[in-house]
Amino acid sequence: MSTLNAHYKRLETQDRERCLAMNGVLAARFHTKADCLTYFKRSILGKEAKNEVEIDMRVLPYYILEQFVEFFGFTWEDIRSNTIPPVG
């Protein structure tokens, strides 16, 4: 089973420049009281890693979902169906 953490780690190790670009895009945008990068790492990757919750992509902020499509290669259908594709 693929996870968002696996997609992020693959991007981080295989394409460091694109990973930094994604982090920059997320850091420049704010969600509630924190930047989207902090929200993404703590509330999404962190909770998924701790198995606290199963992440429902359909309820995540649109701005973060755009990055999944741009940098992880997800499709909007993956997001609508809440399906994390295999790590490629």
PDB file of N, CA and C in Angstrom:
ATOM      1  N   MET A   1       0.843  -1.184   0.000  1.00  0.00           N
ATOM      2  CA  MET A   1       0.000   0.000   0.000  1.00  0.00           C
ATOM      3  C   MET A   1       0.888   1.248   0.000  1.00  0.00           C
ATOM      4  N   SER A   2       0.636   2.143  -0.911  1.00  0.00           N
ATOM      5  CA  SER A   2       1.387   3.394  -0.992  1.00  0.00           C
ATOM      6  C   SER A   2       0.886   4.378   0.059  1.00  0.00           C
ATOM      7  N   THR A   3       1.775   5.261   0.438  1.00  0.00           N
ATOM      8  CA  THR A   3       1.416   6.306   1.394  1.00  0.00           C
ATOM      9  C   THR A   3       1.897   7.650   0.857  1.00  0.00           C
ATOM     10  N   LEU A   4       1.385   8.699   1.431  1.00  0.00           N
ATOM     11  CA  LEU A   4       1.857  10.031   1.070  1.00  0.00           C
ATOM     12  C   LEU A   4       3.312  10.188   1.494  1.00  0.00           C
ATOM     13  N   ASN A   5       3.677   9.592   2.634  1.00  0.00           N
ATOM     14  CA  ASN A   5       5.069   9.633   3.085  1.00  0.00           C
ATOM     15  C   ASN A   5       5.994   8.986   2.069  1.00  0.00           C
ATOM     16  N   ALA A   6       5.591   7.868   1.501  1.00  0.00           N
ATOM     17  CA  ALA A   6       6.418   7.182   0.503  1.00  0.00           C
ATOM     18  C   ALA A   6       6.604   8.049  -0.737  1.00  0.00           C
ATOM     19  N   HIS A   7       5.560   8.735  -1.159  1.00  0.00           N
ATOM     20  CA  HIS A   7       5.662   9.632  -2.314  1.00  0.00           C
ATOM     21  C   HIS A   7       6.594  10.805  -2.001  1.00  0.00           C
ATOM     22  N   TYR A   8       6.469  11.352  -0.804  1.00  0.00           N
ATOM     23  CA  TYR A   8       7.318  12.477  -0.425  1.00  0.00           C
ATOM     24  C   TYR A   8       8.790  12.040  -0.331  1.00  0.00           C
ATOM     25  N   LYS A   9       9.047  10.892   0.279  1.00  0.00           N
ATOM     26  CA  LYS A   9      10.424  10.402   0.411  1.00  0.00           C
ATOM     27  C   LYS A   9      11.033  10.097  -0.956  1.00  0.00           C
ATOM     28  N   ARG A  10      10.232   9.556  -1.874  1.00  0.00           N
ATOM     29  CA  ARG A  10      10.738   9.291  -3.214  1.00  0.00           C
ATOM     30  C   ARG A  10      11.126  10.596  -3.894  1.00  0.00           C
ATOM     31  N   LEU A  11      10.268  11.598  -3.797  1.00  0.00           N
ATOM     32  CA  LEU A  11      10.569  12.892  -4.396  1.00  0.00           C
ATOM     33  C   LEU A  11      11.828  13.491  -3.763  1.00  0.00           C
ATOM     34  N   GLU A  12      11.922  13.371  -2.458  1.00  0.00           N
ATOM     35  CA  GLU A  12      13.056  13.933  -1.721  1.00  0.00           C
ATOM     36  C   GLU A  12      14.381  13.273  -2.121  1.00  0.00           C
ATOM     37  N   THR A  13      14.372  11.983  -2.342  1.00  0.00           N
ATOM     38  CA  THR A  13      15.613  11.280  -2.664  1.00  0.00           C
ATOM     39  C   THR A  13      15.923  11.258  -4.153  1.00  0.00           C
ATOM     40  N   GLN A  14      14.893  11.189  -5.004  1.00  0.00           N
ATOM     41  CA  GLN A  14      15.137  11.062  -6.434  1.00  0.00           C
ATOM     42  C   GLN A  14      15.190  12.386  -7.181  1.00  0.00           C
ATOM     43  N   ASP A  15      14.570  13.410  -6.639  1.00  0.00           N
ATOM     44  CA  ASP A  15      14.551  14.702  -7.325  1.00  0.00           C
ATOM     45  C   ASP A  15      14.539  15.821  -6.284  1.00  0.00           C
ATOM     46  N   ARG A  16      15.677  16.034  -5.695  1.00  0.00           N
ATOM     47  CA  ARG A  16      15.803  16.999  -4.590  1.00  0.00           C
ATOM     48  C   ARG A  16      15.354  18.405  -4.992  1.00  0.00           C
ATOM     49  N   GLU A  17      15.687  18.822  -6.208  1.00  0.00           N
ATOM     50  CA  GLU A  17      15.298  20.173  -6.659  1.00  0.00           C
ATOM     51  C   GLU A  17      13.782  20.337  -6.713  1.00  0.00           C
ATOM     52  N   ARG A  18      13.083  19.340  -7.239  1.00  0.00           N
ATOM     53  CA  ARG A  18      11.617  19.421  -7.292  1.00  0.00           C
ATOM     54  C   ARG A  18      11.012  19.362  -5.896  1.00  0.00           C
ATOM     55  N   CYS A  19      11.635  18.596  -5.015  1.00  0.00           N
ATOM     56  CA  CYS A  19      11.160  18.527  -3.631  1.00  0.00           C
ATOM     57  C   CYS A  19      11.289  19.896  -2.968  1.00  0.00           C
ATOM     58  N   LEU A  20      12.436  20.544  -3.164  1.00  0.00           N
ATOM     59  CA  LEU A  20      12.619  21.884  -2.610  1.00  0.00           C
ATOM     60  C   LEU A  20      11.665  22.886  -3.238  1.00  0.00           C
ATOM     61  N   ALA A  21      11.376  22.718  -4.522  1.00  0.00           N
ATOM     62  CA  ALA A  21      10.411  23.598  -5.187  1.00  0.00           C
ATOM     63  C   ALA A  21       9.026  23.422  -4.573  1.00  0.00           C
ATOM     64  N   MET A  22       8.632  22.171  -4.334  1.00  0.00           N
ATOM     65  CA  MET A  22       7.326  21.915  -3.717  1.00  0.00           C
ATOM     66  C   MET A  22       7.288  22.508  -2.309  1.00  0.00           C
ATOM     67  N   ASN A  23       8.348  22.300  -1.543  1.00  0.00           N
ATOM     68  CA  ASN A  23       8.402  22.864  -0.192  1.00  0.00           C
ATOM     69  C   ASN A  23       8.285  24.380  -0.228  1.00  0.00           C
ATOM     70  N   GLY A  24       8.938  25.017  -1.205  1.00  0.00           N
ATOM     71  CA  GLY A  24       8.866  26.467  -1.336  1.00  0.00           C
ATOM     72  C   GLY A  24       7.465  26.949  -1.666  1.00  0.00           C
ATOM     73  N   VAL A  25       6.803  26.242  -2.550  1.00  0.00           N
ATOM     74  CA  VAL A  25       5.427  26.601  -2.919  1.00  0.00           C
ATOM     75  C   VAL A  25       4.525  26.485  -1.696  1.00  0.00           C
ATOM     76  N   LEU A  26       4.680  25.397  -0.952  1.00  0.00           N
ATOM     77  CA  LEU A  26       3.843  25.209   0.237  1.00  0.00           C
ATOM     78  C   LEU A  26       4.172  26.216   1.337  1.00  0.00           C
ATOM     79  N   ALA A  27       5.447  26.540   1.494  1.00  0.00           N
ATOM     80  CA  ALA A  27       5.849  27.486   2.540  1.00  0.00           C
ATOM     81  C   ALA A  27       5.345  28.897   2.259  1.00  0.00           C
ATOM     82  N   ALA A  28       5.140  29.211   0.996  1.00  0.00           N
ATOM     83  CA  ALA A  28       4.696  30.555   0.625  1.00  0.00           C
ATOM     84  C   ALA A  28       3.200  30.764   0.830  1.00  0.00           C
ATOM     85  N   ARG A  29       2.474  29.700   1.066  1.00  0.00           N
ATOM     86  CA  ARG A  29       1.019  29.785   1.198  1.00  0.00           C
ATOM     87  C   ARG A  29       0.622  29.469   2.642  1.00  0.00           C
ATOM     88  N   PHE A  30      -0.367  30.136   3.159  1.00  0.00           N
ATOM     89  CA  PHE A  30      -0.784  29.905   4.533  1.00  0.00           C
ATOM     90  C   PHE A  30      -2.100  29.157   4.613  1.00  0.00           C
ATOM     91  N   HIS A  31      -2.198  28.283   5.609  1.00  0.00           N
ATOM     92  CA  HIS A  31      -3.421  27.542   5.918  1.00  0.00           C
ATOM     93  C   HIS A  31      -3.701  27.761   7.394  1.00  0.00           C
ATOM     94  N   THR A  32      -4.814  28.295   7.696  1.00  0.00           N
ATOM     95  CA  THR A  32      -5.199  28.730   9.041  1.00  0.00           C
ATOM     96  C   THR A  32      -4.094  29.599   9.622  1.00  0.00           C
ATOM     97  N   LYS A  33      -3.376  29.160  10.643  1.00  0.00           N
ATOM     98  CA  LYS A  33      -2.387  30.027  11.289  1.00  0.00           C
ATOM     99  C   LYS A  33      -0.947  29.661  10.955  1.00  0.00           C
ATOM    100  N   ALA A  34      -0.733  28.667  10.110  1.00  0.00           N
ATOM    101  CA  ALA A  34       0.633  28.249   9.776  1.00  0.00           C
ATOM    102  C   ALA A  34       0.775  28.151   8.259  1.00  0.00           C
ATOM    103  N   ASP A  35       2.023  28.098   7.819  1.00  0.00           N
ATOM    104  CA  ASP A  35       2.229  27.936   6.389  1.00  0.00           C
ATOM    105  C   ASP A  35       1.841  26.510   5.988  1.00  0.00           C
ATOM    106  N   CYS A  36       1.540  26.317   4.724  1.00  0.00           N
ATOM    107  CA  CYS A  36       1.079  25.014   4.231  1.00  0.00           C
ATOM    108  C   CYS A  36       2.144  23.930   4.379  1.00  0.00           C
ATOM    109  N   LEU A  37       3.426  24.292   4.306  1.00  0.00           N
ATOM    110  CA  LEU A  37       4.473  23.285   4.466  1.00  0.00           C
ATOM    111  C   LEU A  37       4.447  22.709   5.878  1.00  0.00           C
ATOM    112  N   THR A  38       4.317  23.575   6.869  1.00  0.00           N
ATOM    113  CA  THR A  38       4.228  23.107   8.254  1.00  0.00           C
ATOM    114  C   THR A  38       2.990  22.250   8.434  1.00  0.00           C
ATOM    115  N   TYR A  39       1.872  22.709   7.914  1.00  0.00           N
ATOM    116  CA  TYR A  39       0.619  21.942   7.995  1.00  0.00           C
ATOM    117  C   TYR A  39       0.789  20.586   7.313  1.00  0.00           C
ATOM    118  N   PHE A  40       1.379  20.570   6.126  1.00  0.00           N
ATOM    119  CA  PHE A  40       1.582  19.343   5.372  1.00  0.00           C
ATOM    120  C   PHE A  40       2.452  18.353   6.141  1.00  0.00           C
ATOM    121  N   LYS A  41       3.560  18.827   6.674  1.00  0.00           N
ATOM    122  CA  LYS A  41       4.480  17.921   7.367  1.00  0.00           C
ATOM    123  C   LYS A  41       3.931  17.439   8.712  1.00  0.00           C
ATOM    124  N   ARG A  42       3.313  18.314   9.474  1.00  0.00           N
ATOM    125  CA  ARG A  42       2.822  17.929  10.803  1.00  0.00           C
ATOM    126  C   ARG A  42       1.474  17.222  10.757  1.00  0.00           C
ATOM    127  N   SER A  43       0.528  17.838  10.073  1.00  0.00           N
ATOM    128  CA  SER A  43      -0.840  17.339  10.128  1.00  0.00           C
ATOM    129  C   SER A  43      -1.148  16.247   9.116  1.00  0.00           C
ATOM    130  N   ILE A  44      -0.357  16.139   8.085  1.00  0.00           N
ATOM    131  CA  ILE A  44      -0.633  15.111   7.083  1.00  0.00           C
ATOM    132  C   ILE A  44       0.431  14.014   7.170  1.00  0.00           C
ATOM    133  N   LEU A  45       1.678  14.347   6.858  1.00  0.00           N
ATOM    134  CA  LEU A  45       2.731  13.328   6.897  1.00  0.00           C
ATOM    135  C   LEU A  45       2.938  12.781   8.308  1.00  0.00           C
ATOM    136  N   GLY A  46       2.932  13.666   9.295  1.00  0.00           N
ATOM    137  CA  GLY A  46       3.157  13.239  10.678  1.00  0.00           C
ATOM    138  C   GLY A  46       2.086  12.293  11.185  1.00  0.00           C
ATOM    139  N   LYS A  47       0.841  12.642  10.969  1.00  0.00           N
ATOM    140  CA  LYS A  47      -0.255  11.789  11.431  1.00  0.00           C
ATOM    141  C   LYS A  47      -0.281  10.472  10.673  1.00  0.00           C
ATOM    142  N   GLU A  48      -0.001  10.526   9.376  1.00  0.00           N
ATOM    143  CA  GLU A  48       0.023   9.288   8.599  1.00  0.00           C
ATOM    144  C   GLU A  48       1.147   8.371   9.091  1.00  0.00           C
ATOM    145  N   ALA A  49       2.317   8.932   9.371  1.00  0.00           N
ATOM    146  CA  ALA A  49       3.462   8.142   9.826  1.00  0.00           C
ATOM    147  C   ALA A  49       3.200   7.485  11.179  1.00  0.00           C
ATOM    148  N   LYS A  50       2.467   8.169  12.026  1.00  0.00           N
ATOM    149  CA  LYS A  50       2.166   7.635  13.352  1.00  0.00           C
ATOM    150  C   LYS A  50       0.949   6.710  13.335  1.00  0.00           C
ATOM    151  N   ASN A  51       0.363   6.539  12.167  1.00  0.00           N
ATOM    152  CA  ASN A  51      -0.845   5.722  12.016  1.00  0.00           C
ATOM    153  C   ASN A  51      -1.986   6.214  12.892  1.00  0.00           C
ATOM    154  N   GLU A  52      -1.971   7.530  13.179  1.00  0.00           N
ATOM    155  CA  GLU A  52      -3.039   8.102  13.993  1.00  0.00           C
ATOM    156  C   GLU A  52      -4.357   8.128  13.232  1.00  0.00           C
ATOM    157  N   VAL A  53      -4.260   8.489  11.968  1.00  0.00           N
ATOM    158  CA  VAL A  53      -5.460   8.588  11.150  1.00  0.00           C
ATOM    159  C   VAL A  53      -5.137   8.152   9.727  1.00  0.00           C
ATOM    160  N   GLU A  54      -6.161   7.675   9.052  1.00  0.00           N
ATOM    161  CA  GLU A  54      -6.020   7.418   7.636  1.00  0.00           C
ATOM    162  C   GLU A  54      -6.348   8.729   6.930  1.00  0.00           C
ATOM    163  N   ILE A  55      -5.458   9.187   6.089  1.00  0.00           N
ATOM    164  CA  ILE A  55      -5.628  10.483   5.447  1.00  0.00           C
ATOM    165  C   ILE A  55      -6.699  10.401   4.375  1.00  0.00           C
ATOM    166  N   ASP A  56      -7.687  11.273   4.469  1.00  0.00           N
ATOM    167  CA  ASP A  56      -8.727  11.384   3.439  1.00  0.00           C
ATOM    168  C   ASP A  56      -8.365  12.593   2.586  1.00  0.00           C
ATOM    169  N   MET A  57      -7.848  12.332   1.402  1.00  0.00           N
ATOM    170  CA  MET A  57      -7.392  13.424   0.546  1.00  0.00           C
ATOM    171  C   MET A  57      -8.527  14.347   0.128  1.00  0.00           C
ATOM    172  N   ARG A  58      -9.744  13.840   0.133  1.00  0.00           N
ATOM    173  CA  ARG A  58     -10.878  14.653  -0.329  1.00  0.00           C
ATOM    174  C   ARG A  58     -11.167  15.843   0.563  1.00  0.00           C
ATOM    175  N   VAL A  59     -10.633  15.847   1.780  1.00  0.00           N
ATOM    176  CA  VAL A  59     -10.906  16.959   2.693  1.00  0.00           C
ATOM    177  C   VAL A  59      -9.684  17.851   2.926  1.00  0.00           C
ATOM    178  N   LEU A  60      -8.587  17.562   2.227  1.00  0.00           N
ATOM    179  CA  LEU A  60      -7.389  18.395   2.376  1.00  0.00           C
ATOM    180  C   LEU A  60      -7.552  19.703   1.620  1.00  0.00           C
ATOM    181  N   PRO A  61      -6.836  20.732   2.038  1.00  0.00           N
ATOM    182  CA  PRO A  61      -6.896  22.013   1.337  1.00  0.00           C
ATOM    183  C   PRO A  61      -6.498  21.848  -0.142  1.00  0.00           C
ATOM    184  N   TYR A  62      -7.243  22.524  -0.987  1.00  0.00           N
ATOM    185  CA  TYR A  62      -7.023  22.432  -2.433  1.00  0.00           C
ATOM    186  C   TYR A  62      -5.592  22.782  -2.807  1.00  0.00           C
ATOM    187  N   TYR A  63      -5.023  23.758  -2.163  1.00  0.00           N
ATOM    188  CA  TYR A  63      -3.674  24.198  -2.497  1.00  0.00           C
ATOM    189  C   TYR A  63      -2.654  23.079  -2.295  1.00  0.00           C
ATOM    190  N   ILE A  64      -2.844  22.254  -1.287  1.00  0.00           N
ATOM    191  CA  ILE A  64      -1.944  21.118  -1.066  1.00  0.00           C
ATOM    192  C   ILE A  64      -2.203  20.037  -2.109  1.00  0.00           C
ATOM    193  N   LEU A  65      -3.453  19.805  -2.427  1.00  0.00           N
ATOM    194  CA  LEU A  65      -3.784  18.792  -3.443  1.00  0.00           C
ATOM    195  C   LEU A  65      -3.183  19.143  -4.801  1.00  0.00           C
ATOM    196  N   GLU A  66      -3.133  20.423  -5.125  1.00  0.00           N
ATOM    197  CA  GLU A  66      -2.496  20.834  -6.381  1.00  0.00           C
ATOM    198  C   GLU A  66      -1.041  20.374  -6.441  1.00  0.00           C
ATOM    199  N   GLN A  67      -0.371  20.389  -5.302  1.00  0.00           N
ATOM    200  CA  GLN A  67       1.031  19.966  -5.263  1.00  0.00           C
ATOM    201  C   GLN A  67       1.158  18.454  -5.443  1.00  0.00           C
ATOM    202  N   PHE A  68       0.173  17.697  -4.957  1.00  0.00           N
ATOM    203  CA  PHE A  68       0.177  16.246  -5.176  1.00  0.00           C
ATOM    204  C   PHE A  68       0.119  15.943  -6.671  1.00  0.00           C
ATOM    205  N   VAL A  69      -0.696  16.702  -7.373  1.00  0.00           N
ATOM    206  CA  VAL A  69      -0.821  16.506  -8.818  1.00  0.00           C
ATOM    207  C   VAL A  69       0.464  16.952  -9.514  1.00  0.00           C
ATOM    208  N   GLU A  70       0.966  18.102  -9.139  1.00  0.00           N
ATOM    209  CA  GLU A  70       2.151  18.670  -9.784  1.00  0.00           C
ATOM    210  C   GLU A  70       3.437  17.892  -9.491  1.00  0.00           C
ATOM    211  N   PHE A  71       3.650  17.531  -8.244  1.00  0.00           N
ATOM    212  CA  PHE A  71       4.936  16.972  -7.852  1.00  0.00           C
ATOM    213  C   PHE A  71       4.934  15.462  -7.612  1.00  0.00           C
ATOM    214  N   PHE A  72       3.815  14.893  -7.190  1.00  0.00           N
ATOM    215  CA  PHE A  72       3.758  13.451  -6.943  1.00  0.00           C
ATOM    216  C   PHE A  72       3.218  12.681  -8.142  1.00  0.00           C
ATOM    217  N   GLY A  73       2.600  13.387  -9.080  1.00  0.00           N
ATOM    218  CA  GLY A  73       2.037  12.714 -10.250  1.00  0.00           C
ATOM    219  C   GLY A  73       0.659  12.112 -10.030  1.00  0.00           C
ATOM    220  N   PHE A  74      -0.027  12.543  -8.971  1.00  0.00           N
ATOM    221  CA  PHE A  74      -1.391  12.078  -8.748  1.00  0.00           C
ATOM    222  C   PHE A  74      -2.291  12.639  -9.844  1.00  0.00           C
ATOM    223  N   THR A  75      -3.424  11.991 -10.058  1.00  0.00           N
ATOM    224  CA  THR A  75      -4.446  12.548 -10.939  1.00  0.00           C
ATOM    225  C   THR A  75      -5.573  13.078 -10.046  1.00  0.00           C
ATOM    226  N   TRP A  76      -6.412  13.923 -10.623  1.00  0.00           N
ATOM    227  CA  TRP A  76      -7.555  14.419  -9.857  1.00  0.00           C
ATOM    228  C   TRP A  76      -8.516  13.283  -9.552  1.00  0.00           C
ATOM    229  N   GLU A  77      -8.547  12.271 -10.400  1.00  0.00           N
ATOM    230  CA  GLU A  77      -9.380  11.095 -10.135  1.00  0.00           C
ATOM    231  C   GLU A  77      -8.853  10.343  -8.909  1.00  0.00           C
ATOM    232  N   ASP A  78      -7.532  10.239  -8.767  1.00  0.00           N
ATOM    233  CA  ASP A  78      -6.949   9.628  -7.560  1.00  0.00           C
ATOM    234  C   ASP A  78      -7.450  10.356  -6.321  1.00  0.00           C
ATOM    235  N   ILE A  79      -7.440  11.658  -6.379  1.00  0.00           N
ATOM    236  CA  ILE A  79      -7.854  12.462  -5.229  1.00  0.00           C
ATOM    237  C   ILE A  79      -9.351  12.317  -4.975  1.00  0.00           C
ATOM    238  N   ARG A  80     -10.159  12.392  -6.031  1.00  0.00           N
ATOM    239  CA  ARG A  80     -11.616  12.246  -5.866  1.00  0.00           C
ATOM    240  C   ARG A  80     -11.978  10.883  -5.286  1.00  0.00           C
ATOM    241  N   SER A  81     -11.235   9.849  -5.698  1.00  0.00           N
ATOM    242  CA  SER A  81     -11.539   8.493  -5.200  1.00  0.00           C
ATOM    243  C   SER A  81     -10.761   8.153  -3.930  1.00  0.00           C
ATOM    244  N   ASN A  82      -9.967   9.116  -3.429  1.00  0.00           N
ATOM    245  CA  ASN A  82      -9.161   8.931  -2.227  1.00  0.00           C
ATOM    246  C   ASN A  82      -8.249   7.709  -2.351  1.00  0.00           C
ATOM    247  N   THR A  83      -7.596   7.604  -3.516  1.00  0.00           N
ATOM    248  CA  THR A  83      -6.697   6.486  -3.804  1.00  0.00           C
ATOM    249  C   THR A  83      -5.274   7.008  -3.980  1.00  0.00           C
ATOM    250  N   ILE A  84      -4.381   6.502  -3.170  1.00  0.00           N
ATOM    251  CA  ILE A  84      -2.972   6.873  -3.308  1.00  0.00           C
ATOM    252  C   ILE A  84      -2.345   5.901  -4.302  1.00  0.00           C
ATOM    253  N   PRO A  85      -1.888   6.409  -5.438  1.00  0.00           N
ATOM    254  CA  PRO A  85      -1.308   5.519  -6.450  1.00  0.00           C
ATOM    255  C   PRO A  85       0.018   4.928  -5.985  1.00  0.00           C
ATOM    256  N   PRO A  86       0.447   3.836  -6.614  1.00  0.00           N
ATOM    257  CA  PRO A  86       1.740   3.252  -6.253  1.00  0.00           C
ATOM    258  C   PRO A  86       2.880   4.251  -6.482  1.00  0.00           C
ATOM    259  N   VAL A  87       3.899   4.129  -5.665  1.00  0.00           N
ATOM    260  CA  VAL A  87       5.073   4.986  -5.822  1.00  0.00           C
ATOM    261  C   VAL A  87       5.804   4.540  -7.076  1.00  0.00           C
ATOM    262  N   GLY A  88       6.047   5.500  -7.998  1.00  0.00           N
ATOM    263  CA  GLY A  88       6.649   5.160  -9.284  1.00  0.00           C
ATOM    264  C   GLY A  88       8.095   5.352  -9.385  1.00  0.00           C
TER     265      GLY A  88
END
